C-alpha atoms as a PDB file:
ATOM      1  CA  MET A   1      95.913-115.013 -50.178  1.00  0.00           C
ATOM      2  CA  TYR A   2      95.521-114.584 -53.674  1.00  0.00           C
ATOM      3  CA  LYS A   3      98.256-112.401 -55.655  1.00  0.00           C
ATOM      4  CA  MET A   4      97.497-109.703 -57.866  1.00  0.00           C
ATOM      5  CA  ALA A   5      99.238-109.118 -61.464  1.00  0.00           C
ATOM      6  CA  VAL A   6      99.508-106.392 -64.556  1.00  0.00           C
ATOM      7  CA  ILE A   7      99.893-107.518 -68.106  1.00  0.00           C
ATOM      8  CA  GLY A   8     100.754-105.117 -70.891  1.00  0.00           C
ATOM      9  CA  ASP A   9     103.320-102.867 -72.320  1.00  0.00           C
ATOM     10  CA  LYS A  10     105.982-101.866 -70.233  1.00  0.00           C
ATOM     11  CA  ASP A  11     105.430 -98.025 -70.185  1.00  0.00           C
ATOM     12  CA  SER A  12     101.710 -98.696 -68.960  1.00  0.00           C
ATOM     13  CA  ILE A  13     102.525-101.328 -65.930  1.00  0.00           C
ATOM     14  CA  TYR A  14     105.947-100.285 -64.752  1.00  0.00           C
ATOM     15  CA  GLY A  15     104.126 -98.154 -61.940  1.00  0.00           C
ATOM     16  CA  PHE A  16     102.204-101.024 -60.436  1.00  0.00           C
ATOM     17  CA  ALA A  17     105.552-102.542 -59.134  1.00  0.00           C
ATOM     18  CA  CYS A  18     105.545 -99.811 -56.538  1.00  0.00           C
ATOM     19  CA  LEU A  19     102.562-101.268 -55.304  1.00  0.00           C
ATOM     20  CA  GLY A  20     103.622-104.458 -54.976  1.00  0.00           C
ATOM     21  CA  ILE A  21     101.503-105.803 -57.620  1.00  0.00           C
ATOM     22  CA  GLY A  22     103.550-108.051 -59.840  1.00  0.00           C
ATOM     23  CA  ILE A  23     104.277-106.875 -63.537  1.00  0.00           C
ATOM     24  CA  PHE A  24     104.469-109.196 -66.888  1.00  0.00           C
ATOM     25  CA  PRO A  25     105.481-107.113 -69.716  1.00  0.00           C
ATOM     26  CA  CYS A  26     103.839-108.401 -72.827  1.00  0.00           C
ATOM     27  CA  GLU A  27     103.912-106.557 -76.574  1.00  0.00           C
ATOM     28  CA  ASP A  28     102.100-109.113 -78.536  1.00  0.00           C
ATOM     29  CA  GLU A  29      99.028-111.551 -78.484  1.00  0.00           C
ATOM     30  CA  ALA A  30     100.993-114.275 -78.241  1.00  0.00           C
ATOM     31  CA  GLN A  31     102.587-113.812 -75.367  1.00  0.00           C
ATOM     32  CA  ALA A  32     100.134-111.878 -72.999  1.00  0.00           C
ATOM     33  CA  SER A  33      97.588-115.461 -73.811  1.00  0.00           C
ATOM     34  CA  LYS A  34     100.305-117.594 -72.694  1.00  0.00           C
ATOM     35  CA  THR A  35     101.757-115.461 -69.222  1.00  0.00           C
ATOM     36  CA  LEU A  36      97.619-115.294 -68.817  1.00  0.00           C
ATOM     37  CA  ARG A  37      97.077-118.674 -68.898  1.00  0.00           C
ATOM     38  CA  GLU A  38     100.240-119.226 -66.409  1.00  0.00           C
ATOM     39  CA  LEU A  39      98.748-116.542 -63.876  1.00  0.00           C
ATOM     40  CA  ALA A  40      95.701-118.135 -63.950  1.00  0.00           C
ATOM     41  CA  LYS A  41      97.281-121.283 -62.989  1.00  0.00           C
ATOM     42  CA  SER A  42      99.881-119.870 -60.347  1.00  0.00           C
ATOM     43  CA  GLY A  43      96.970-118.534 -57.641  1.00  0.00           C
ATOM     44  CA  TYR A  44      96.500-114.919 -59.204  1.00  0.00           C
ATOM     45  CA  GLY A  45      93.205-113.926 -57.972  1.00  0.00           C
ATOM     46  CA  VAL A  46      93.468-110.613 -59.985  1.00  0.00           C
ATOM     47  CA  ILE A  47      94.829-109.701 -63.228  1.00  0.00           C
ATOM     48  CA  TYR A  48      94.942-106.775 -64.565  1.00  0.00           C
ATOM     49  CA  VAL A  49      95.047-106.460 -68.588  1.00  0.00           C
ATOM     50  CA  THR A  50      96.123-103.318 -70.916  1.00  0.00           C
ATOM     51  CA  GLU A  51      92.651-102.355 -73.077  1.00  0.00           C
ATOM     52  CA  SER A  52      94.770-103.431 -76.090  1.00  0.00           C
ATOM     53  CA  LEU A  53      95.784-106.226 -74.857  1.00  0.00           C
ATOM     54  CA  PHE A  54      92.890-107.144 -73.676  1.00  0.00           C
ATOM     55  CA  GLU A  55      90.949-106.782 -76.876  1.00  0.00           C
ATOM     56  CA  LEU A  56      93.378-108.892 -78.415  1.00  0.00           C
ATOM     57  CA  LEU A  57      93.187-111.888 -75.535  1.00  0.00           C
ATOM     58  CA  ALA A  58      89.081-111.919 -76.053  1.00  0.00           C
ATOM     59  CA  ASP A  59      88.909-115.600 -76.360  1.00  0.00           C
ATOM     60  CA  ASP A  60      91.535-116.568 -73.439  1.00  0.00           C
ATOM     61  CA  VAL A  61      89.065-113.693 -71.284  1.00  0.00           C
ATOM     62  CA  GLU A  62      86.201-115.632 -72.279  1.00  0.00           C
ATOM     63  CA  HIS A  63      86.930-118.787 -70.966  1.00  0.00           C
ATOM     64  CA  TYR A  64      87.536-117.086 -67.557  1.00  0.00           C
ATOM     65  CA  ARG A  65      84.544-115.407 -67.466  1.00  0.00           C
ATOM     66  CA  ASP A  66      82.184-117.868 -65.810  1.00  0.00           C
ATOM     67  CA  LEU A  67      84.662-119.131 -63.266  1.00  0.00           C
ATOM     68  CA  PRO A  68      85.162-117.253 -60.011  1.00  0.00           C
ATOM     69  CA  LEU A  69      88.993-117.001 -60.066  1.00  0.00           C
ATOM     70  CA  PRO A  70      90.708-114.854 -61.536  1.00  0.00           C
ATOM     71  CA  ALA A  71      89.158-111.676 -62.326  1.00  0.00           C
ATOM     72  CA  ILE A  72      90.415-110.216 -65.574  1.00  0.00           C
ATOM     73  CA  ILE A  73      90.290-106.578 -65.509  1.00  0.00           C
ATOM     74  CA  PRO A  74      91.081-104.294 -68.413  1.00  0.00           C
ATOM     75  CA  ILE A  75      92.733-101.238 -67.358  1.00  0.00           C
ATOM     76  CA  PRO A  76      94.011 -98.099 -69.951  1.00  0.00           C
ATOM     77  CA  GLY A  77      97.151 -97.925 -70.781  1.00  0.00           C
ATOM     78  CA  VAL A  78      99.630 -94.991 -72.019  1.00  0.00           C
ATOM     79  CA  LYS A  79      97.936 -94.780 -74.906  1.00  0.00           C
ATOM     80  CA  GLY A  80      94.511 -94.298 -73.224  1.00  0.00           C
ATOM     81  CA  ASN A  81      91.161 -95.183 -72.755  1.00  0.00           C
ATOM     82  CA  THR A  82      89.568 -97.377 -75.337  1.00  0.00           C
ATOM     83  CA  GLY A  83      86.214 -97.764 -73.463  1.00  0.00           C
ATOM     84  CA  ILE A  84      86.717-101.740 -73.048  1.00  0.00           C
ATOM     85  CA  GLY A  85      86.477-101.165 -69.541  1.00  0.00           C
ATOM     86  CA  MET A  86      83.403 -99.066 -69.182  1.00  0.00           C
ATOM     87  CA  ARG A  87      81.999-102.320 -71.298  1.00  0.00           C
ATOM     88  CA  ASN A  88      83.135-104.905 -69.550  1.00  0.00           C
ATOM     89  CA  VAL A  89      81.233-103.223 -66.208  1.00  0.00           C
ATOM     90  CA  SER A  90      78.063-102.810 -68.221  1.00  0.00           C
ATOM     91  CA  LEU A  91      77.695-106.245 -68.978  1.00  0.00           C
ATOM     92  CA  SER A  92      78.782-107.480 -65.632  1.00  0.00           C
ATOM     93  CA  VAL A  93      76.127-104.970 -64.191  1.00  0.00           C
ATOM     94  CA  GLU A  94      73.557-106.261 -66.621  1.00  0.00           C
ATOM     95  CA  LYS A  95      74.805-109.773 -65.713  1.00  0.00           C
ATOM     96  CA  ALA A  96      73.751-109.555 -62.263  1.00  0.00           C
ATOM     97  CA  VAL A  97      70.928-106.959 -62.011  1.00  0.00           C
ATOM     98  CA  GLY A  98      69.166-108.512 -65.204  1.00  0.00           C
ATOM     99  CA  SER A  99      69.040-104.891 -67.088  1.00  0.00           C
ATOM    100  CA  ASP A 100      71.528-102.403 -67.924  1.00  0.00           C
ATOM    101  CA  ILE A 101      71.546 -99.675 -65.414  1.00  0.00           C
ATOM    102  CA  ILE A 102      74.619 -97.948 -66.558  1.00  0.00           C
ATOM    103  CA  SER A 103      73.924 -96.748 -69.850  1.00  0.00           C
END
């Protein structure tokens, strides 16, 4: 059974603890990058990352994009939605279907 985690600023991720999801507060790129690598090595199947950090971790996320696990999914933080999540969904659909059927 795989575990789930969420990485981001404390205010954005604190509520996920109620759902039994591991929370990993990170405020900067270096700390978030290190945490992401450690979680990926530790058997986490799904890792949610706040959009603000997801953008900073583009190189790290790209490394895991073609691997089956972990699934790294951007989520909006308390500062709002930046559209990164929807762009990622659109890219995944385009890769799977061969055409961008969302936009």
